Amino acid sequence: MIECLWISSTNRRSSSIHSSTGGRQSLAPSSSNKLSSSSTNNPSANARNFKQREFMDDARDDIRAFIHTHRVPLVLSPSTLESPTSKEFQSIFRALAEYLDRDFRWGSSGKGWDAEVLEFLRQVRYPFAGDISKTALAAPGSSNNWPPLLNMLHWMCTLASALLRWTDPQETTDPTLLP
């Protein structure tokens, strides 16, 4: 949902110098009309409310469907996508990352796994990579860390699905992609 912000003309401040000459009025809100942080136009803010139960359930279903449809070599228990262990999260992440960049070599940089994940997310241009911390990657199943990580895995599945459709000769009409 995209929020629009309108500032009424009655709340505009104006300079006493320019008001008499018909100058431009300030669009800045007055101190009595402060903007709340939730209504500011922040392009890096995630518009989806990924902490809502419905979104999380849909994301889990989409991830399970992707893993099943594309025969990803993972076995998911019913609780894996509810609150995964660090090892389960790593295996899911690596399996999905394989669909996005088959050439990425884990462990080749000499950095820790968490640093490589953050590097990978920047390389695939995950729009909210700055919101993922090393602490969250160390304890992915915690109630505060899991919603943004689940959102990230869902984004990876969505992107992987789009890439697979793009390169599928039965689905694409782009002659440069056809064999």
Foldseek 3Di string as FASTA:
>chain_A
DAADDDDDPVQWAADPVCVVVVDDTDPDGDPVDDDDPVRDDDPLDDPDPLLDPVNLVVLVVLLVCLCVVVVQPDDDDPCCSQFNALVSLVSLVVSLLCLVDVPDDPCPVVDDPLVSVLVSCVVSCVSNSVVQDSVCSNGVRDSVSPSVSSVVSSVSSVVSVVVVLCLDPVRHPDVVSHD
